[in-house]
Every structure is written in structure tokens, then in C-alpha cells.
Amino acid sequence: MRFVITGGGTGGHLAIAAVLEKALSQRGHEAIFIGSSSGQDRMWFEKGSGFAHTYFLPTTGVVNQKGLGKAAALWRIGKAFMRSRALLKEFDAVGVISVGGFSAAPASFAALSRKIPLFIHEQNAETGRLNALLKPYARLFFSSYDASSPVQAYPVSKVLFEKARVRTTLERVIFLGGSQGATYINDLALSIAPILSERGISIIHQCGERDLERLQRSYAEMGIDVELMAFSKALPELIERSDLAISRAGASTLWELCANGLPAFFIPYPYAAGDHQYYNAQFIVQKELGWSERQGDTLKQRLIAVLDEDLSRRSKKLMALIEPEGAQKIIEVIESEV
């Protein structure tokens, strides 16, 4: 069967698209990707993806636009909608799977207009605006936070389960600011690096392209040896080698850490739509399996205190939160609907 996967903009959405495409391929299906020329869609899928074809349409977000900017964004989505309708017909798609984000809008509405079943995967504890709008019209709505979801297992790469381990001692910390990095987390890492070094704790730091040179200089000036990179597609291996993550609270990152049993101190991105990263982190914090603090003056001291916390109990229970083969289970359910 032939499917369309749509959505993206950020790494969280795109990671799900990649895992679902792999599950489709393993079950003998073919998929194309319809995303945006904005955001990170091209970086993820323009080269070397498993998709039969990839299409990056000129769209931008609408929510944060005002006045003429909002009108222009809607015009671009309208044009992309017509292009998506043509692509769905040309590809003879039996279903459209949306992973959310502004770039999902054209193909999702095109699916509804052609009466092709629409399936939505919501990554976050707080449903995004587009997904909330489309949910009543979707054939199925998947969410790991929703008890009514037909599948609650989150789609995570198999390798993270295979490399899972219980953390017992704190030997290595990994800083994760998201796929584009985060200046706040980068500055925090620099401020706490001497303390970690004094304790004999190694550092892995994914800092984002924009801040790489500054951090290279800063760590060199402090004489601290760090595994520093702008972005790494070998993130599962880096996670497996770490004992504590200091991270934003994007949904895909959160569940990847759970799958591998890596406890985390979450710092929600304060400008995320609907404050969804805060609610993602609270899902873990309320179970007493991790820590979270909003950006502010007390954060550094709270983080230093966490360095002495017990990791093993949290690590074991994090792994129990998520089932393997989440993507396969979602695709199996979708197959039964088309």
C-alpha cells in the first residue's frame, strides 16, 4: 500500500516521521513525504531517507504571524494544499499520516478534501493547534498521553531499547538543547562545567550550529575537555553512554530518554506553542522519575543538587514507561483501517 507522511518543522516531528516511514517500509509499504521548505524538513529527508519521494512546499507557520504576515502564510498554505491534492492523486495514497507541525496542514486538509483517511500522531502532552483542529475529522488519533488512544506506545528507534541500561553512578552528563541547540542550555553548560570537571564527570554537549564556535573557544579557555558537536545523528549512542541528560522537553527526546533509561533534568523551552514542553516534563516529574525547572535564577543550584540524587530507581522505572515497537503497532492499526 502507498501512504503519505506529512508534517515537521522541528526535530521532534521529523523523528516520528522517520520512525513511521521505517515501520511502513518493513511491512512492505511505500511512502512519500510532504513537508515544508522552511524548518528542518530538508535537512532530515532531502538526502538519504527511505521515502520514495520527498516534497518540500513553500509554507510557513501561521500562529505566530500577524496582519499581512498571517495572510501571506495562509496564501502559501492554500497553494501548497492544491499541490498536495495533486500529489495524493498522483501517488494513489490510501492514507495520510500527519506528525503535526505547520507543514502538515496542506497535505492533511488535502486528505480530507479527497476523502482519504487521515491519521494523526500527537507527540506532546498538550495537543497542538493544528492537531486539535483536525482531530474530529481524523480516522484515528494517536497519543502516548491519551488513555483513549488506540496505541499508547511512543514511536522510538529500536536501537534505544537495545542499548538501554540502568544508570547507577553519575560518570557522564549530556547537554541537549534540541536539534537547533539552545543558548540558555549552552550558557548553563559553560557555567556548570567546572563543577562537573572537579567531580570527575565527563561532558557530552550537542550545542547547535550557531553556537559551536563560541563554545569551542569557551571550553578551550577553561581547559575542559568536552565531546562537543553542533548536531549528531548518532544521538542514540551518545545517550547510551550518558548517565544524566540536561535537556529541553521536546516529546521525542523525552521518550527516547525513557526508552534508554536515562534520567533527565528538563528545562522546558519557554516559548513553545501552548507551553507544551512544560507539560511534557510534568508527565515525568509527577511520577518522580525526573526533574524539571523553568529558566531562572534558581535553576543552576537546583541542578547542582540533582547531581547527588539516586539514579538507579528512576532509570529502571523510566524504561517501564514505554513499550518497544511503538511505530510497528501504530502501522498495524492503520493497516486495519485502510
C-alpha atoms as a PDB file:
ATOM      1  CA  MET A   1       0.000   0.000   0.000  1.00  0.00           C
ATOM      2  CA  ARG A   2       1.016   3.614  -0.524  1.00  0.00           C
ATOM      3  CA  PHE A   3       0.998   6.196   2.238  1.00  0.00           C
ATOM      4  CA  VAL A   4       1.852   9.859   2.668  1.00  0.00           C
ATOM      5  CA  ILE A   5       3.629  11.075   5.795  1.00  0.00           C
ATOM      6  CA  THR A   6       3.356  14.800   6.383  1.00  0.00           C
ATOM      7  CA  GLY A   7       4.460  17.332   8.976  1.00  0.00           C
ATOM      8  CA  GLY A   8       7.659  18.552  10.507  1.00  0.00           C
ATOM      9  CA  GLY A   9       9.351  21.873  11.083  1.00  0.00           C
ATOM     10  CA  THR A  10      11.276  20.668  14.137  1.00  0.00           C
ATOM     11  CA  GLY A  11      13.249  17.559  15.013  1.00  0.00           C
ATOM     12  CA  GLY A  12      10.535  16.181  17.299  1.00  0.00           C
ATOM     13  CA  HIS A  13       8.013  15.908  14.484  1.00  0.00           C
ATOM     14  CA  LEU A  14      10.569  14.704  11.966  1.00  0.00           C
ATOM     15  CA  ALA A  15      11.952  11.971  14.220  1.00  0.00           C
ATOM     16  CA  ILE A  16       8.460  10.450  14.338  1.00  0.00           C
ATOM     17  CA  ALA A  17       8.125  10.731  10.555  1.00  0.00           C
ATOM     18  CA  ALA A  18      11.406   8.839  10.140  1.00  0.00           C
ATOM     19  CA  VAL A  19      10.441   6.038  12.538  1.00  0.00           C
ATOM     20  CA  LEU A  20       6.987   5.612  10.966  1.00  0.00           C
ATOM     21  CA  GLU A  21       8.473   5.504   7.452  1.00  0.00           C
ATOM     22  CA  LYS A  22      10.831   2.742   8.539  1.00  0.00           C
ATOM     23  CA  ALA A  23       7.931   0.750  10.027  1.00  0.00           C
ATOM     24  CA  LEU A  24       5.947   1.153   6.797  1.00  0.00           C
ATOM     25  CA  SER A  25       8.900   0.017   4.715  1.00  0.00           C
ATOM     26  CA  GLN A  26       9.490  -3.030   6.925  1.00  0.00           C
ATOM     27  CA  ARG A  27       5.873  -4.063   6.371  1.00  0.00           C
ATOM     28  CA  GLY A  28       6.193  -3.787   2.592  1.00  0.00           C
ATOM     29  CA  HIS A  29       4.536  -0.396   2.093  1.00  0.00           C
ATOM     30  CA  GLU A  30       5.733   2.652   0.179  1.00  0.00           C
ATOM     31  CA  ALA A  31       5.639   6.216   1.443  1.00  0.00           C
ATOM     32  CA  ILE A  32       6.301   9.743   0.255  1.00  0.00           C
ATOM     33  CA  PHE A  33       6.960  12.733   2.471  1.00  0.00           C
ATOM     34  CA  ILE A  34       5.258  16.098   2.092  1.00  0.00           C
ATOM     35  CA  GLY A  35       6.826  18.805   4.214  1.00  0.00           C
ATOM     36  CA  SER A  36       7.962  22.395   4.044  1.00  0.00           C
ATOM     37  CA  SER A  37      10.894  24.235   2.521  1.00  0.00           C
ATOM     38  CA  SER A  38      11.046  26.073   5.864  1.00  0.00           C
ATOM     39  CA  GLY A  39      12.184  24.482   9.110  1.00  0.00           C
ATOM     40  CA  GLN A  40      14.365  21.382   9.236  1.00  0.00           C
ATOM     41  CA  ASP A  41      12.440  19.152   6.811  1.00  0.00           C
ATOM     42  CA  ARG A  42      15.055  19.321   4.052  1.00  0.00           C
ATOM     43  CA  MET A  43      17.909  18.643   6.457  1.00  0.00           C
ATOM     44  CA  TRP A  44      16.239  15.430   7.598  1.00  0.00           C
ATOM     45  CA  PHE A  45      14.866  13.984   4.389  1.00  0.00           C
ATOM     46  CA  GLU A  46      16.228  15.637   1.242  1.00  0.00           C
ATOM     47  CA  LYS A  47      19.084  13.137   1.031  1.00  0.00           C
ATOM     48  CA  GLY A  48      19.367   9.552   2.202  1.00  0.00           C
ATOM     49  CA  SER A  49      15.836   8.982   3.514  1.00  0.00           C
ATOM     50  CA  GLY A  50      13.784   5.847   2.939  1.00  0.00           C
ATOM     51  CA  PHE A  51      10.945   7.776   1.283  1.00  0.00           C
ATOM     52  CA  ALA A  52      10.118   7.004  -2.344  1.00  0.00           C
ATOM     53  CA  HIS A  53       9.893  10.760  -2.962  1.00  0.00           C
ATOM     54  CA  THR A  54      10.120  13.879  -0.810  1.00  0.00           C
ATOM     55  CA  TYR A  55       8.359  17.183  -1.468  1.00  0.00           C
ATOM     56  CA  PHE A  56       9.179  20.439   0.334  1.00  0.00           C
ATOM     57  CA  LEU A  57       6.477  23.014  -0.274  1.00  0.00           C
ATOM     58  CA  PRO A  58       6.905  26.746   0.464  1.00  0.00           C
ATOM     59  CA  THR A  59       4.893  27.092   3.666  1.00  0.00           C
ATOM     60  CA  THR A  60       5.415  28.854   6.994  1.00  0.00           C
ATOM     61  CA  GLY A  61       3.679  28.845  10.354  1.00  0.00           C
ATOM     62  CA  VAL A  62       0.501  30.871  10.864  1.00  0.00           C
ATOM     63  CA  VAL A  63       0.075  31.040  14.650  1.00  0.00           C
ATOM     64  CA  ASN A  64       2.913  33.484  15.347  1.00  0.00           C
ATOM     65  CA  GLN A  65       2.169  35.748  12.361  1.00  0.00           C
ATOM     66  CA  LYS A  66       0.212  38.994  12.462  1.00  0.00           C
ATOM     67  CA  GLY A  67      -1.651  41.070   9.897  1.00  0.00           C
ATOM     68  CA  LEU A  68      -0.235  40.749   6.403  1.00  0.00           C
ATOM     69  CA  GLY A  69       2.192  38.092   7.599  1.00  0.00           C
ATOM     70  CA  LYS A  70      -0.696  35.846   8.623  1.00  0.00           C
ATOM     71  CA  ALA A  71      -2.484  36.468   5.316  1.00  0.00           C
ATOM     72  CA  ALA A  72       0.688  35.621   3.375  1.00  0.00           C
ATOM     73  CA  ALA A  73       1.185  32.428   5.391  1.00  0.00           C
ATOM     74  CA  LEU A  74      -2.404  31.351   4.697  1.00  0.00           C
ATOM     75  CA  TRP A  75      -1.938  32.087   0.979  1.00  0.00           C
ATOM     76  CA  ARG A  76       1.145  29.858   0.890  1.00  0.00           C
ATOM     77  CA  ILE A  77      -0.712  27.078   2.674  1.00  0.00           C
ATOM     78  CA  GLY A  78      -3.565  27.416   0.173  1.00  0.00           C
ATOM     79  CA  LYS A  79      -1.190  26.978  -2.762  1.00  0.00           C
ATOM     80  CA  ALA A  80       0.506  24.030  -1.025  1.00  0.00           C
ATOM     81  CA  PHE A  81      -2.927  22.497  -0.396  1.00  0.00           C
ATOM     82  CA  MET A  82      -3.643  22.419  -4.142  1.00  0.00           C
ATOM     83  CA  ARG A  83      -0.215  20.910  -4.827  1.00  0.00           C
ATOM     84  CA  SER A  84      -0.793  18.306  -2.113  1.00  0.00           C
ATOM     85  CA  ARG A  85      -4.162  17.343  -3.602  1.00  0.00           C
ATOM     86  CA  ALA A  86      -2.414  16.636  -6.897  1.00  0.00           C
ATOM     87  CA  LEU A  87       0.349  14.633  -5.222  1.00  0.00           C
ATOM     88  CA  LEU A  88      -2.129  12.475  -3.297  1.00  0.00           C
ATOM     89  CA  LYS A  89      -3.972  11.649  -6.509  1.00  0.00           C
ATOM     90  CA  GLU A  90      -0.768  11.038  -8.468  1.00  0.00           C
ATOM     91  CA  PHE A  91       0.659   8.749  -5.782  1.00  0.00           C
ATOM     92  CA  ASP A  92      -2.677   6.953  -5.251  1.00  0.00           C
ATOM     93  CA  ALA A  93      -2.305   7.184  -1.478  1.00  0.00           C
ATOM     94  CA  VAL A  94      -4.535   5.016   0.706  1.00  0.00           C
ATOM     95  CA  GLY A  95      -3.822   7.040   3.849  1.00  0.00           C
ATOM     96  CA  VAL A  96      -2.146  10.201   5.110  1.00  0.00           C
ATOM     97  CA  ILE A  97      -0.251  10.138   8.407  1.00  0.00           C
ATOM     98  CA  SER A  98       0.311  13.540   9.994  1.00  0.00           C
ATOM     99  CA  VAL A  99       3.001  14.017  12.620  1.00  0.00           C
ATOM    100  CA  GLY A 100       1.960  17.627  13.260  1.00  0.00           C
ATOM    101  CA  GLY A 101       3.684  20.951  12.825  1.00  0.00           C
ATOM    102  CA  PHE A 102       2.685  23.713  10.403  1.00  0.00           C
ATOM    103  CA  SER A 103       3.979  21.803   7.375  1.00  0.00           C
ATOM    104  CA  ALA A 104       1.348  19.107   7.985  1.00  0.00           C
ATOM    105  CA  ALA A 105      -1.543  21.450   7.163  1.00  0.00           C
ATOM    106  CA  PRO A 106      -1.613  21.302   3.323  1.00  0.00           C
ATOM    107  CA  ALA A 107      -1.497  17.512   2.945  1.00  0.00           C
ATOM    108  CA  SER A 108      -3.805  16.925   5.931  1.00  0.00           C
ATOM    109  CA  PHE A 109      -6.533  19.166   4.520  1.00  0.00           C
ATOM    110  CA  ALA A 110      -5.895  17.681   1.071  1.00  0.00           C
ATOM    111  CA  ALA A 111      -6.533  14.206   2.509  1.00  0.00           C
ATOM    112  CA  LEU A 112      -9.864  15.325   3.965  1.00  0.00           C
ATOM    113  CA  SER A 113     -10.855  17.007   0.690  1.00  0.00           C
ATOM    114  CA  ARG A 114     -10.159  13.773  -1.227  1.00  0.00           C
ATOM    115  CA  LYS A 115     -11.788  11.602   1.468  1.00  0.00           C
ATOM    116  CA  ILE A 116      -8.526   9.775   2.090  1.00  0.00           C
ATOM    117  CA  PRO A 117      -8.234   8.531   5.705  1.00  0.00           C
ATOM    118  CA  LEU A 118      -6.206  10.911   7.876  1.00  0.00           C
ATOM    119  CA  PHE A 119      -4.263   9.555  10.840  1.00  0.00           C
ATOM    120  CA  ILE A 120      -2.661  11.899  13.370  1.00  0.00           C
ATOM    121  CA  HIS A 121       0.192  11.296  15.785  1.00  0.00           C
ATOM    122  CA  GLU A 122       0.361  13.886  18.559  1.00  0.00           C
ATOM    123  CA  GLN A 123       3.743  13.901  20.282  1.00  0.00           C
ATOM    124  CA  ASN A 124       3.035  16.294  23.133  1.00  0.00           C
ATOM    125  CA  ALA A 125       1.065  16.223  26.374  1.00  0.00           C
ATOM    126  CA  GLU A 126      -0.753  19.362  25.182  1.00  0.00           C
ATOM    127  CA  THR A 127      -2.312  18.885  21.741  1.00  0.00           C
ATOM    128  CA  GLY A 128      -1.041  21.309  19.099  1.00  0.00           C
ATOM    129  CA  ARG A 129      -3.456  23.752  17.472  1.00  0.00           C
ATOM    130  CA  LEU A 130      -3.460  22.110  14.054  1.00  0.00           C
ATOM    131  CA  ASN A 131      -3.914  18.634  15.526  1.00  0.00           C
ATOM    132  CA  ALA A 132      -6.711  19.865  17.792  1.00  0.00           C
ATOM    133  CA  LEU A 133      -8.435  21.392  14.754  1.00  0.00           C
ATOM    134  CA  LEU A 134      -8.099  18.217  12.682  1.00  0.00           C
ATOM    135  CA  LYS A 135      -8.725  15.636  15.427  1.00  0.00           C
ATOM    136  CA  PRO A 136     -12.524  15.436  14.957  1.00  0.00           C
ATOM    137  CA  TYR A 137     -12.024  14.614  11.259  1.00  0.00           C
ATOM    138  CA  ALA A 138      -9.173  12.138  11.631  1.00  0.00           C
ATOM    139  CA  ARG A 139      -9.786   8.407  11.266  1.00  0.00           C
ATOM    140  CA  LEU A 140      -7.558   7.774  14.303  1.00  0.00           C
ATOM    141  CA  PHE A 141      -5.671   9.975  16.753  1.00  0.00           C
ATOM    142  CA  PHE A 142      -2.568   8.548  18.444  1.00  0.00           C
ATOM    143  CA  SER A 143      -1.123   9.973  21.661  1.00  0.00           C
ATOM    144  CA  SER A 144       1.011   8.416  24.382  1.00  0.00           C
ATOM    145  CA  TYR A 145      -0.652  10.705  26.937  1.00  0.00           C
ATOM    146  CA  ASP A 146      -4.268   9.893  25.983  1.00  0.00           C
ATOM    147  CA  ALA A 147      -5.879   6.809  27.538  1.00  0.00           C
ATOM    148  CA  SER A 148      -8.312   6.600  24.614  1.00  0.00           C
ATOM    149  CA  SER A 149      -5.518   6.347  22.034  1.00  0.00           C
ATOM    150  CA  PRO A 150      -5.627   3.041  20.096  1.00  0.00           C
ATOM    151  CA  VAL A 151      -1.849   2.767  20.667  1.00  0.00           C
ATOM    152  CA  GLN A 152      -0.082   4.468  23.566  1.00  0.00           C
ATOM    153  CA  ALA A 153       3.419   3.189  22.796  1.00  0.00           C
ATOM    154  CA  TYR A 154       5.536   6.093  21.517  1.00  0.00           C
ATOM    155  CA  PRO A 155       7.368   5.504  18.216  1.00  0.00           C
ATOM    156  CA  VAL A 156      11.038   5.365  19.206  1.00  0.00           C
ATOM    157  CA  SER A 157      14.003   3.940  17.322  1.00  0.00           C
ATOM    158  CA  LYS A 158      14.631   0.285  18.170  1.00  0.00           C
ATOM    159  CA  VAL A 159      18.298   0.949  18.907  1.00  0.00           C
ATOM    160  CA  LEU A 160      17.408   2.971  22.026  1.00  0.00           C
ATOM    161  CA  PHE A 161      15.699  -0.069  23.543  1.00  0.00           C
ATOM    162  CA  GLU A 162      18.543  -2.352  22.508  1.00  0.00           C
ATOM    163  CA  LYS A 163      21.106  -0.112  24.232  1.00  0.00           C
ATOM    164  CA  ALA A 164      19.008   0.541  27.355  1.00  0.00           C
ATOM    165  CA  ARG A 165      20.760   0.182  30.700  1.00  0.00           C
ATOM    166  CA  VAL A 166      20.192   1.045  34.336  1.00  0.00           C
ATOM    167  CA  ARG A 167      22.238   4.038  35.480  1.00  0.00           C
ATOM    168  CA  THR A 168      23.824   3.545  38.910  1.00  0.00           C
ATOM    169  CA  THR A 169      26.601   6.149  39.050  1.00  0.00           C
ATOM    170  CA  LEU A 170      26.975   9.594  37.507  1.00  0.00           C
ATOM    171  CA  GLU A 171      30.037   9.481  35.274  1.00  0.00           C
ATOM    172  CA  ARG A 172      28.894  11.398  32.205  1.00  0.00           C
ATOM    173  CA  VAL A 173      26.364  14.199  31.570  1.00  0.00           C
ATOM    174  CA  ILE A 174      24.861  15.038  28.179  1.00  0.00           C
ATOM    175  CA  PHE A 175      23.517  18.518  27.360  1.00  0.00           C
ATOM    176  CA  LEU A 176      20.762  18.557  24.728  1.00  0.00           C
ATOM    177  CA  GLY A 177      19.280  21.828  23.542  1.00  0.00           C
ATOM    178  CA  GLY A 178      17.145  20.308  20.799  1.00  0.00           C
ATOM    179  CA  SER A 179      18.055  19.848  17.155  1.00  0.00           C
ATOM    180  CA  GLN A 180      18.854  23.577  16.782  1.00  0.00           C
ATOM    181  CA  GLY A 181      20.583  23.980  20.114  1.00  0.00           C
ATOM    182  CA  ALA A 182      19.598  26.354  22.916  1.00  0.00           C
ATOM    183  CA  THR A 183      21.627  29.358  24.040  1.00  0.00           C
ATOM    184  CA  TYR A 184      20.297  29.112  27.585  1.00  0.00           C
ATOM    185  CA  ILE A 185      21.354  25.472  27.967  1.00  0.00           C
ATOM    186  CA  ASN A 186      24.699  26.225  26.314  1.00  0.00           C
ATOM    187  CA  ASP A 187      25.383  29.017  28.812  1.00  0.00           C
ATOM    188  CA  LEU A 188      24.266  26.782  31.669  1.00  0.00           C
ATOM    189  CA  ALA A 189      26.652  24.063  30.489  1.00  0.00           C
ATOM    190  CA  LEU A 190      29.558  26.522  30.476  1.00  0.00           C
ATOM    191  CA  SER A 191      28.714  27.751  33.974  1.00  0.00           C
ATOM    192  CA  ILE A 192      28.461  24.278  35.475  1.00  0.00           C
ATOM    193  CA  ALA A 193      31.284  22.627  33.513  1.00  0.00           C
ATOM    194  CA  PRO A 194      33.981  23.472  36.137  1.00  0.00           C
ATOM    195  CA  ILE A 195      31.857  21.836  38.855  1.00  0.00           C
ATOM    196  CA  LEU A 196      31.348  18.718  36.749  1.00  0.00           C
ATOM    197  CA  SER A 197      35.048  18.599  35.935  1.00  0.00           C
ATOM    198  CA  GLU A 198      36.015  18.847  39.622  1.00  0.00           C
ATOM    199  CA  ARG A 199      33.752  15.865  40.326  1.00  0.00           C
ATOM    200  CA  GLY A 200      35.323  13.834  37.532  1.00  0.00           C
ATOM    201  CA  ILE A 201      32.112  13.898  35.469  1.00  0.00           C
ATOM    202  CA  SER A 202      32.625  13.882  31.694  1.00  0.00           C
ATOM    203  CA  ILE A 203      30.555  16.076  29.371  1.00  0.00           C
ATOM    204  CA  ILE A 204      28.845  15.449  26.029  1.00  0.00           C
ATOM    205  CA  HIS A 205      27.304  18.585  24.544  1.00  0.00           C
ATOM    206  CA  GLN A 206      25.144  18.960  21.433  1.00  0.00           C
ATOM    207  CA  CYS A 207      25.037  22.730  21.115  1.00  0.00           C
ATOM    208  CA  GLY A 208      23.582  23.622  17.698  1.00  0.00           C
ATOM    209  CA  GLU A 209      25.401  25.056  14.688  1.00  0.00           C
ATOM    210  CA  ARG A 210      25.003  28.720  15.639  1.00  0.00           C
ATOM    211  CA  ASP A 211      26.831  28.385  18.962  1.00  0.00           C
ATOM    212  CA  LEU A 212      29.523  25.854  18.077  1.00  0.00           C
ATOM    213  CA  GLU A 213      32.491  28.227  17.633  1.00  0.00           C
ATOM    214  CA  ARG A 214      31.694  30.185  20.804  1.00  0.00           C
ATOM    215  CA  LEU A 215      31.515  27.036  22.888  1.00  0.00           C
ATOM    216  CA  GLN A 216      34.691  25.607  21.370  1.00  0.00           C
ATOM    217  CA  ARG A 217      36.532  28.749  22.447  1.00  0.00           C
ATOM    218  CA  SER A 218      34.938  28.850  25.904  1.00  0.00           C
ATOM    219  CA  TYR A 219      35.661  25.239  26.783  1.00  0.00           C
ATOM    220  CA  ALA A 220      39.234  25.610  25.478  1.00  0.00           C
ATOM    221  CA  GLU A 221      39.770  28.714  27.632  1.00  0.00           C
ATOM    222  CA  MET A 222      38.602  26.763  30.695  1.00  0.00           C
ATOM    223  CA  GLY A 223      40.862  23.845  29.780  1.00  0.00           C
ATOM    224  CA  ILE A 224      37.939  21.395  29.949  1.00  0.00           C
ATOM    225  CA  ASP A 225      37.847  18.502  27.506  1.00  0.00           C
ATOM    226  CA  VAL A 226      34.312  18.055  26.143  1.00  0.00           C
ATOM    227  CA  GLU A 227      32.697  15.959  23.413  1.00  0.00           C
ATOM    228  CA  LEU A 228      31.163  18.910  21.591  1.00  0.00           C
ATOM    229  CA  MET A 229      29.148  18.812  18.390  1.00  0.00           C
ATOM    230  CA  ALA A 230      26.629  21.032  16.608  1.00  0.00           C
ATOM    231  CA  PHE A 231      24.269  18.162  15.853  1.00  0.00           C
ATOM    232  CA  SER A 232      24.700  14.387  15.733  1.00  0.00           C
ATOM    233  CA  LYS A 233      22.672  11.691  14.011  1.00  0.00           C
ATOM    234  CA  ALA A 234      24.463   9.234  16.325  1.00  0.00           C
ATOM    235  CA  LEU A 235      22.404  10.529  19.253  1.00  0.00           C
ATOM    236  CA  PRO A 236      21.305   7.033  20.432  1.00  0.00           C
ATOM    237  CA  GLU A 237      24.945   6.100  21.007  1.00  0.00           C
ATOM    238  CA  LEU A 238      25.608   9.364  22.864  1.00  0.00           C
ATOM    239  CA  ILE A 239      22.524   8.834  25.031  1.00  0.00           C
ATOM    240  CA  GLU A 240      23.564   5.259  25.827  1.00  0.00           C
ATOM    241  CA  ARG A 241      26.965   6.454  27.080  1.00  0.00           C
ATOM    242  CA  SER A 242      25.437   9.109  29.341  1.00  0.00           C
ATOM    243  CA  ASP A 243      24.142   8.869  32.911  1.00  0.00           C
ATOM    244  CA  LEU A 244      22.161  12.124  33.172  1.00  0.00           C
ATOM    245  CA  ALA A 245      20.624  14.335  30.488  1.00  0.00           C
ATOM    246  CA  ILE A 246      20.152  18.085  30.831  1.00  0.00           C
ATOM    247  CA  SER A 247      17.657  18.747  28.110  1.00  0.00           C
ATOM    248  CA  ARG A 248      14.775  20.619  26.609  1.00  0.00           C
ATOM    249  CA  ALA A 249      11.496  18.715  26.951  1.00  0.00           C
ATOM    250  CA  GLY A 250      10.526  18.024  23.366  1.00  0.00           C
ATOM    251  CA  ALA A 251       8.380  14.903  23.243  1.00  0.00           C
ATOM    252  CA  SER A 252      10.617  12.757  21.045  1.00  0.00           C
ATOM    253  CA  THR A 253      13.672  13.482  23.182  1.00  0.00           C
ATOM    254  CA  LEU A 254      11.705  12.770  26.365  1.00  0.00           C
ATOM    255  CA  TRP A 255      10.536   9.349  25.170  1.00  0.00           C
ATOM    256  CA  GLU A 256      13.925   8.458  23.686  1.00  0.00           C
ATOM    257  CA  LEU A 257      15.472   9.057  27.101  1.00  0.00           C
ATOM    258  CA  CYS A 258      12.784   6.888  28.711  1.00  0.00           C
ATOM    259  CA  ALA A 259      13.418   4.060  26.255  1.00  0.00           C
ATOM    260  CA  ASN A 260      17.103   4.067  27.119  1.00  0.00           C
ATOM    261  CA  GLY A 261      16.584   4.508  30.868  1.00  0.00           C
ATOM    262  CA  LEU A 262      18.409   7.848  31.006  1.00  0.00           C
ATOM    263  CA  PRO A 263      17.183  10.152  33.818  1.00  0.00           C
ATOM    264  CA  ALA A 264      16.874  13.801  32.862  1.00  0.00           C
ATOM    265  CA  PHE A 265      16.727  17.311  34.233  1.00  0.00           C
ATOM    266  CA  PHE A 266      14.319  19.061  31.866  1.00  0.00           C
ATOM    267  CA  ILE A 267      14.420  22.770  31.069  1.00  0.00           C
ATOM    268  CA  PRO A 268      11.265  23.468  29.032  1.00  0.00           C
ATOM    269  CA  TYR A 269      11.594  25.872  26.132  1.00  0.00           C
ATOM    270  CA  PRO A 270       9.623  28.867  27.432  1.00  0.00           C
ATOM    271  CA  TYR A 271       8.286  29.933  24.021  1.00  0.00           C
ATOM    272  CA  ALA A 272       6.996  26.541  22.856  1.00  0.00           C
ATOM    273  CA  ALA A 273       3.447  26.689  21.492  1.00  0.00           C
ATOM    274  CA  GLY A 274       0.948  26.227  24.289  1.00  0.00           C
ATOM    275  CA  ASP A 275       3.851  25.788  26.738  1.00  0.00           C
ATOM    276  CA  HIS A 276       3.761  22.135  25.689  1.00  0.00           C
ATOM    277  CA  GLN A 277       7.317  21.357  26.806  1.00  0.00           C
ATOM    278  CA  TYR A 278       6.413  22.231  30.390  1.00  0.00           C
ATOM    279  CA  TYR A 279       3.523  19.764  30.313  1.00  0.00           C
ATOM    280  CA  ASN A 280       5.695  17.106  28.683  1.00  0.00           C
ATOM    281  CA  ALA A 281       8.206  17.433  31.520  1.00  0.00           C
ATOM    282  CA  GLN A 282       5.490  17.352  34.162  1.00  0.00           C
ATOM    283  CA  PHE A 283       4.391  13.956  32.849  1.00  0.00           C
ATOM    284  CA  ILE A 284       7.760  12.627  34.080  1.00  0.00           C
ATOM    285  CA  VAL A 285       8.164  14.846  37.154  1.00  0.00           C
ATOM    286  CA  GLN A 286       4.752  13.924  38.584  1.00  0.00           C
ATOM    287  CA  LYS A 287       5.826  10.284  38.517  1.00  0.00           C
ATOM    288  CA  GLU A 288       9.001  11.298  40.422  1.00  0.00           C
ATOM    289  CA  LEU A 289      11.145   9.914  37.612  1.00  0.00           C
ATOM    290  CA  GLY A 290      12.980  13.093  36.668  1.00  0.00           C
ATOM    291  CA  TRP A 291      13.397  16.778  37.403  1.00  0.00           C
ATOM    292  CA  SER A 292      12.310  19.985  35.748  1.00  0.00           C
ATOM    293  CA  GLU A 293      12.853  23.677  36.307  1.00  0.00           C
ATOM    294  CA  ARG A 294      11.860  26.711  34.301  1.00  0.00           C
ATOM    295  CA  GLN A 295      14.624  29.056  33.183  1.00  0.00           C
ATOM    296  CA  GLY A 296      15.547  31.372  36.032  1.00  0.00           C
ATOM    297  CA  ASP A 297      17.934  32.305  38.826  1.00  0.00           C
ATOM    298  CA  THR A 298      17.322  29.197  40.962  1.00  0.00           C
ATOM    299  CA  LEU A 299      17.861  26.671  38.185  1.00  0.00           C
ATOM    300  CA  LYS A 300      21.628  26.238  38.493  1.00  0.00           C
ATOM    301  CA  GLN A 301      21.543  25.449  42.211  1.00  0.00           C
ATOM    302  CA  ARG A 302      18.667  23.038  41.710  1.00  0.00           C
ATOM    303  CA  LEU A 303      20.653  21.254  39.005  1.00  0.00           C
ATOM    304  CA  ILE A 304      23.770  21.018  41.191  1.00  0.00           C
ATOM    305  CA  ALA A 305      21.659  19.361  43.899  1.00  0.00           C
ATOM    306  CA  VAL A 306      20.411  16.788  41.390  1.00  0.00           C
ATOM    307  CA  LEU A 307      23.991  15.608  40.797  1.00  0.00           C
ATOM    308  CA  ASP A 308      23.786  13.832  44.174  1.00  0.00           C
ATOM    309  CA  GLU A 309      20.387  12.199  43.576  1.00  0.00           C
ATOM    310  CA  ASP A 310      19.862   8.448  43.210  1.00  0.00           C
ATOM    311  CA  LEU A 311      19.677   7.460  39.539  1.00  0.00           C
ATOM    312  CA  SER A 312      19.037   3.731  39.597  1.00  0.00           C
ATOM    313  CA  ARG A 313      15.387   3.737  40.747  1.00  0.00           C
ATOM    314  CA  ARG A 314      14.435   6.381  38.222  1.00  0.00           C
ATOM    315  CA  SER A 315      16.363   4.685  35.432  1.00  0.00           C
ATOM    316  CA  LYS A 316      14.579   1.343  35.945  1.00  0.00           C
ATOM    317  CA  LYS A 317      11.121   2.896  36.103  1.00  0.00           C
ATOM    318  CA  LEU A 318      11.673   5.126  33.080  1.00  0.00           C
ATOM    319  CA  MET A 319      12.226   2.036  30.925  1.00  0.00           C
ATOM    320  CA  ALA A 320       8.931   0.596  32.185  1.00  0.00           C
ATOM    321  CA  LEU A 321       7.026   3.693  30.959  1.00  0.00           C
ATOM    322  CA  ILE A 322       7.427   2.886  27.267  1.00  0.00           C
ATOM    323  CA  GLU A 323       6.836  -0.230  25.218  1.00  0.00           C
ATOM    324  CA  PRO A 324       9.062  -1.149  22.270  1.00  0.00           C
ATOM    325  CA  GLU A 325       7.769  -1.413  18.703  1.00  0.00           C
ATOM    326  CA  GLY A 326       5.514   1.638  19.041  1.00  0.00           C
ATOM    327  CA  ALA A 327       5.794   2.514  15.343  1.00  0.00           C
ATOM    328  CA  GLN A 328       5.007  -1.063  14.269  1.00  0.00           C
ATOM    329  CA  LYS A 329       1.922  -1.127  16.481  1.00  0.00           C
ATOM    330  CA  ILE A 330       0.672   2.172  15.049  1.00  0.00           C
ATOM    331  CA  ILE A 331       1.148   0.959  11.469  1.00  0.00           C
ATOM    332  CA  GLU A 332      -0.628  -2.335  12.229  1.00  0.00           C
ATOM    333  CA  VAL A 333      -3.676  -0.402  13.470  1.00  0.00           C
ATOM    334  CA  ILE A 334      -3.577   1.913  10.454  1.00  0.00           C
ATOM    335  CA  GLU A 335      -3.427  -1.101   8.108  1.00  0.00           C
ATOM    336  CA  SER A 336      -6.640  -2.428   9.613  1.00  0.00           C
ATOM    337  CA  GLU A 337      -8.364   0.876   8.858  1.00  0.00           C
ATOM    338  CA  VAL A 338      -7.471   1.162   5.173  1.00  0.00           C
END
